Amino acid sequence: SLLQFTNRGPEAFARLEPWAHLWEVSAASAFLRAYRGVATAGAFLPSQDAHLRRLLDAYLLDKALYEVLYELNNRPGWAAIPLRSILAQRP
C-alpha cells in the first residue's frame, strides 16, 4: 500500500516508511502473541524461544523467496517488496 500510495507522491515515501514499518511490526507482534497464546498447548511449537525464532525465521524466508519468484513472474515492479523483507532479516 505504501508503494502504491507514494507512486502519486514519491517524496512522501521517506516520511511514511517508518510508520509503515511500525505498523508492520506491531501487527505481526500482535498476531504472534495471540497465536502463541493459543498454540502453546500444542506439541508442534518448540518450547524454547530461540528455537521458535529460528523456525519462524525459516518460514518467513521461505515465504519471501516464494514471493520474489511470484512477483518477478507476474509483477516485476513489486519484487522489491519481498526483497526488502529478505534483506531486513537478522543474520
N, C-alpha and C. Protein backbone atom coordinates (compact mmCIF):
# COMPACT_ATOMS: atom_id res chain seq x y z
N SER A 1 0.82 -1.19 0.00
CA SER A 1 0.00 0.00 0.00
C SER A 1 0.86 1.25 0.00
N LEU A 2 1.95 1.20 0.74
CA LEU A 2 2.84 2.38 0.79
C LEU A 2 3.42 2.68 -0.59
N LEU A 3 3.88 1.66 -1.29
CA LEU A 3 4.43 1.88 -2.61
C LEU A 3 3.37 2.40 -3.57
N GLN A 4 2.19 1.85 -3.50
CA GLN A 4 1.11 2.29 -4.38
C GLN A 4 0.71 3.73 -4.05
N PHE A 5 0.62 4.06 -2.78
CA PHE A 5 0.24 5.41 -2.37
C PHE A 5 1.30 6.43 -2.79
N THR A 6 2.56 6.07 -2.61
CA THR A 6 3.63 7.03 -2.90
C THR A 6 3.97 7.10 -4.39
N ASN A 7 3.38 6.26 -5.21
CA ASN A 7 3.55 6.41 -6.66
C ASN A 7 3.02 7.78 -7.11
N ARG A 8 1.99 8.25 -6.42
CA ARG A 8 1.41 9.55 -6.75
C ARG A 8 2.19 10.70 -6.14
N GLY A 9 2.95 10.42 -5.10
CA GLY A 9 3.76 11.43 -4.43
C GLY A 9 5.01 10.80 -3.85
N PRO A 10 5.99 10.47 -4.69
CA PRO A 10 7.18 9.73 -4.23
C PRO A 10 7.95 10.41 -3.10
N GLU A 11 7.81 11.71 -2.98
CA GLU A 11 8.54 12.42 -1.93
C GLU A 11 8.03 12.04 -0.53
N ALA A 12 6.84 11.48 -0.44
CA ALA A 12 6.27 11.09 0.84
C ALA A 12 6.80 9.74 1.33
N PHE A 13 7.45 8.97 0.47
CA PHE A 13 7.88 7.62 0.85
C PHE A 13 8.81 7.65 2.07
N ALA A 14 9.83 8.49 2.04
CA ALA A 14 10.80 8.53 3.15
C ALA A 14 10.13 8.93 4.46
N ARG A 15 9.14 9.77 4.39
CA ARG A 15 8.45 10.23 5.59
C ARG A 15 7.50 9.15 6.13
N LEU A 16 6.87 8.40 5.24
CA LEU A 16 5.87 7.42 5.65
C LEU A 16 6.43 6.03 5.91
N GLU A 17 7.61 5.72 5.36
CA GLU A 17 8.15 4.36 5.51
C GLU A 17 8.34 3.95 6.98
N PRO A 18 8.87 4.80 7.86
CA PRO A 18 8.99 4.36 9.26
C PRO A 18 7.65 4.04 9.90
N TRP A 19 6.60 4.77 9.53
CA TRP A 19 5.27 4.49 10.07
C TRP A 19 4.72 3.18 9.54
N ALA A 20 4.96 2.91 8.28
CA ALA A 20 4.52 1.64 7.69
C ALA A 20 5.26 0.48 8.36
N HIS A 21 6.53 0.66 8.62
CA HIS A 21 7.32 -0.39 9.29
C HIS A 21 6.80 -0.60 10.72
N LEU A 22 6.49 0.49 11.42
CA LEU A 22 5.95 0.37 12.77
C LEU A 22 4.64 -0.40 12.76
N TRP A 23 3.77 -0.10 11.79
CA TRP A 23 2.51 -0.83 11.69
C TRP A 23 2.78 -2.31 11.42
N GLU A 24 3.69 -2.60 10.50
CA GLU A 24 4.00 -3.99 10.16
C GLU A 24 4.49 -4.77 11.38
N VAL A 25 5.42 -4.18 12.12
CA VAL A 25 5.97 -4.85 13.30
C VAL A 25 4.90 -5.02 14.38
N SER A 26 4.08 -3.98 14.58
CA SER A 26 3.02 -4.06 15.59
C SER A 26 1.99 -5.12 15.25
N ALA A 27 1.56 -5.16 14.00
CA ALA A 27 0.57 -6.14 13.58
C ALA A 27 1.13 -7.56 13.69
N ALA A 28 2.37 -7.76 13.25
CA ALA A 28 2.99 -9.08 13.33
C ALA A 28 3.16 -9.52 14.78
N SER A 29 3.56 -8.60 15.65
CA SER A 29 3.74 -8.93 17.07
C SER A 29 2.42 -9.31 17.72
N ALA A 30 1.36 -8.57 17.42
CA ALA A 30 0.05 -8.89 17.99
C ALA A 30 -0.41 -10.26 17.51
N PHE A 31 -0.22 -10.53 16.23
CA PHE A 31 -0.62 -11.83 15.69
C PHE A 31 0.15 -12.96 16.37
N LEU A 32 1.47 -12.80 16.46
CA LEU A 32 2.29 -13.87 17.04
C LEU A 32 1.98 -14.10 18.52
N ARG A 33 1.74 -13.01 19.27
CA ARG A 33 1.37 -13.17 20.68
C ARG A 33 0.07 -13.97 20.81
N ALA A 34 -0.92 -13.61 20.01
CA ALA A 34 -2.21 -14.30 20.08
C ALA A 34 -2.07 -15.75 19.62
N TYR A 35 -1.34 -15.97 18.53
CA TYR A 35 -1.15 -17.33 18.01
C TYR A 35 -0.43 -18.19 19.03
N ARG A 36 0.63 -17.65 19.58
CA ARG A 36 1.40 -18.43 20.55
C ARG A 36 0.59 -18.70 21.81
N GLY A 37 -0.23 -17.74 22.21
CA GLY A 37 -1.08 -17.93 23.38
C GLY A 37 -2.05 -19.09 23.21
N VAL A 38 -2.55 -19.28 22.01
CA VAL A 38 -3.49 -20.37 21.73
C VAL A 38 -2.74 -21.66 21.42
N ALA A 39 -1.65 -21.56 20.67
CA ALA A 39 -0.96 -22.75 20.18
C ALA A 39 0.02 -23.35 21.18
N THR A 40 0.27 -22.69 22.27
CA THR A 40 1.23 -23.20 23.24
C THR A 40 0.85 -24.58 23.75
N ALA A 41 -0.43 -24.86 23.82
CA ALA A 41 -0.89 -26.17 24.30
C ALA A 41 -0.55 -27.29 23.31
N GLY A 42 -0.31 -26.94 22.06
CA GLY A 42 0.02 -27.95 21.06
C GLY A 42 1.47 -28.38 21.16
N ALA A 43 1.75 -29.56 20.72
CA ALA A 43 3.12 -30.09 20.78
C ALA A 43 3.93 -29.73 19.54
N PHE A 44 3.36 -28.96 18.63
CA PHE A 44 4.03 -28.67 17.37
C PHE A 44 4.94 -27.44 17.44
N LEU A 45 4.88 -26.64 18.50
CA LEU A 45 5.74 -25.48 18.64
C LEU A 45 6.94 -25.81 19.51
N PRO A 46 8.13 -25.35 19.13
CA PRO A 46 9.28 -25.54 20.00
C PRO A 46 9.06 -24.83 21.34
N SER A 47 9.52 -25.42 22.40
CA SER A 47 9.32 -24.83 23.73
C SER A 47 10.32 -23.72 24.02
N GLN A 48 11.47 -23.76 23.40
CA GLN A 48 12.49 -22.73 23.65
C GLN A 48 12.30 -21.56 22.68
N ASP A 49 12.41 -20.35 23.22
CA ASP A 49 12.22 -19.15 22.40
C ASP A 49 13.19 -19.09 21.22
N ALA A 50 14.45 -19.46 21.44
CA ALA A 50 15.44 -19.40 20.36
C ALA A 50 15.08 -20.35 19.23
N HIS A 51 14.57 -21.52 19.57
CA HIS A 51 14.18 -22.49 18.54
C HIS A 51 12.94 -22.02 17.79
N LEU A 52 12.01 -21.43 18.51
CA LEU A 52 10.81 -20.90 17.87
C LEU A 52 11.19 -19.76 16.92
N ARG A 53 12.10 -18.91 17.34
CA ARG A 53 12.55 -17.79 16.50
C ARG A 53 13.22 -18.31 15.23
N ARG A 54 14.05 -19.34 15.37
CA ARG A 54 14.73 -19.92 14.21
C ARG A 54 13.72 -20.52 13.22
N LEU A 55 12.72 -21.21 13.76
CA LEU A 55 11.68 -21.79 12.92
C LEU A 55 10.89 -20.69 12.21
N LEU A 56 10.51 -19.66 12.93
CA LEU A 56 9.78 -18.55 12.33
C LEU A 56 10.61 -17.86 11.25
N ASP A 57 11.89 -17.63 11.52
CA ASP A 57 12.77 -17.01 10.53
C ASP A 57 12.85 -17.86 9.25
N ALA A 58 12.91 -19.17 9.42
CA ALA A 58 12.97 -20.06 8.25
C ALA A 58 11.69 -19.97 7.43
N TYR A 59 10.54 -19.96 8.11
CA TYR A 59 9.27 -19.85 7.39
C TYR A 59 9.14 -18.49 6.69
N LEU A 60 9.57 -17.43 7.36
CA LEU A 60 9.48 -16.09 6.76
C LEU A 60 10.39 -15.98 5.54
N LEU A 61 11.57 -16.56 5.61
CA LEU A 61 12.48 -16.54 4.47
C LEU A 61 11.89 -17.36 3.31
N ASP A 62 11.35 -18.52 3.62
CA ASP A 62 10.72 -19.35 2.59
C ASP A 62 9.59 -18.59 1.90
N LYS A 63 8.75 -17.93 2.68
CA LYS A 63 7.63 -17.17 2.14
C LYS A 63 8.14 -16.01 1.27
N ALA A 64 9.14 -15.30 1.74
CA ALA A 64 9.68 -14.17 0.99
C ALA A 64 10.31 -14.62 -0.33
N LEU A 65 11.03 -15.74 -0.32
CA LEU A 65 11.62 -16.25 -1.55
C LEU A 65 10.55 -16.66 -2.55
N TYR A 66 9.48 -17.28 -2.05
CA TYR A 66 8.36 -17.62 -2.92
C TYR A 66 7.77 -16.34 -3.53
N GLU A 67 7.61 -15.31 -2.71
CA GLU A 67 7.02 -14.06 -3.19
C GLU A 67 7.92 -13.37 -4.21
N VAL A 68 9.24 -13.46 -4.05
CA VAL A 68 10.15 -12.87 -5.03
C VAL A 68 9.90 -13.52 -6.39
N LEU A 69 9.85 -14.85 -6.42
CA LEU A 69 9.60 -15.55 -7.69
C LEU A 69 8.25 -15.19 -8.28
N TYR A 70 7.24 -15.14 -7.43
CA TYR A 70 5.90 -14.78 -7.90
C TYR A 70 5.89 -13.39 -8.52
N GLU A 71 6.47 -12.42 -7.81
CA GLU A 71 6.46 -11.04 -8.30
C GLU A 71 7.30 -10.91 -9.57
N LEU A 72 8.43 -11.57 -9.64
CA LEU A 72 9.24 -11.50 -10.85
C LEU A 72 8.49 -12.04 -12.06
N ASN A 73 7.67 -13.07 -11.84
CA ASN A 73 6.90 -13.67 -12.94
C ASN A 73 5.62 -12.89 -13.28
N ASN A 74 5.07 -12.16 -12.32
CA ASN A 74 3.77 -11.53 -12.53
C ASN A 74 3.77 -10.01 -12.45
N ARG A 75 4.54 -9.46 -11.54
CA ARG A 75 4.59 -8.00 -11.36
C ARG A 75 6.02 -7.61 -11.00
N PRO A 76 6.91 -7.59 -11.96
CA PRO A 76 8.33 -7.33 -11.66
C PRO A 76 8.59 -6.07 -10.86
N GLY A 77 7.76 -5.07 -11.04
CA GLY A 77 7.94 -3.83 -10.30
C GLY A 77 7.71 -3.97 -8.80
N TRP A 78 7.05 -5.04 -8.40
CA TRP A 78 6.77 -5.27 -6.99
C TRP A 78 7.79 -6.20 -6.32
N ALA A 79 8.74 -6.69 -7.05
CA ALA A 79 9.72 -7.63 -6.48
C ALA A 79 10.52 -7.01 -5.34
N ALA A 80 10.61 -5.69 -5.32
CA ALA A 80 11.35 -5.01 -4.24
C ALA A 80 10.72 -5.26 -2.88
N ILE A 81 9.43 -5.51 -2.84
CA ILE A 81 8.76 -5.70 -1.54
C ILE A 81 9.28 -6.94 -0.83
N PRO A 82 9.23 -8.14 -1.43
CA PRO A 82 9.78 -9.29 -0.71
C PRO A 82 11.31 -9.23 -0.59
N LEU A 83 11.97 -8.58 -1.54
CA LEU A 83 13.43 -8.46 -1.42
C LEU A 83 13.80 -7.65 -0.19
N ARG A 84 13.05 -6.62 0.11
CA ARG A 84 13.30 -5.83 1.33
C ARG A 84 13.10 -6.68 2.57
N SER A 85 12.11 -7.54 2.54
CA SER A 85 11.87 -8.43 3.66
C SER A 85 13.06 -9.36 3.88
N ILE A 86 13.61 -9.89 2.80
CA ILE A 86 14.76 -10.78 2.91
C ILE A 86 15.97 -10.03 3.46
N LEU A 87 16.20 -8.84 2.95
CA LEU A 87 17.35 -8.05 3.39
C LEU A 87 17.22 -7.58 4.84
N ALA A 88 15.99 -7.45 5.32
CA ALA A 88 15.76 -6.98 6.68
C ALA A 88 15.89 -8.09 7.72
N GLN A 89 15.93 -9.34 7.28
CA GLN A 89 16.03 -10.44 8.24
C GLN A 89 17.38 -10.40 8.95
N ARG A 90 17.33 -10.84 10.18
CA ARG A 90 18.54 -10.88 11.00
C ARG A 90 19.53 -11.89 10.44
N PRO A 91 20.83 -11.65 10.66
CA PRO A 91 21.83 -12.64 10.21
C PRO A 91 21.77 -13.92 11.00
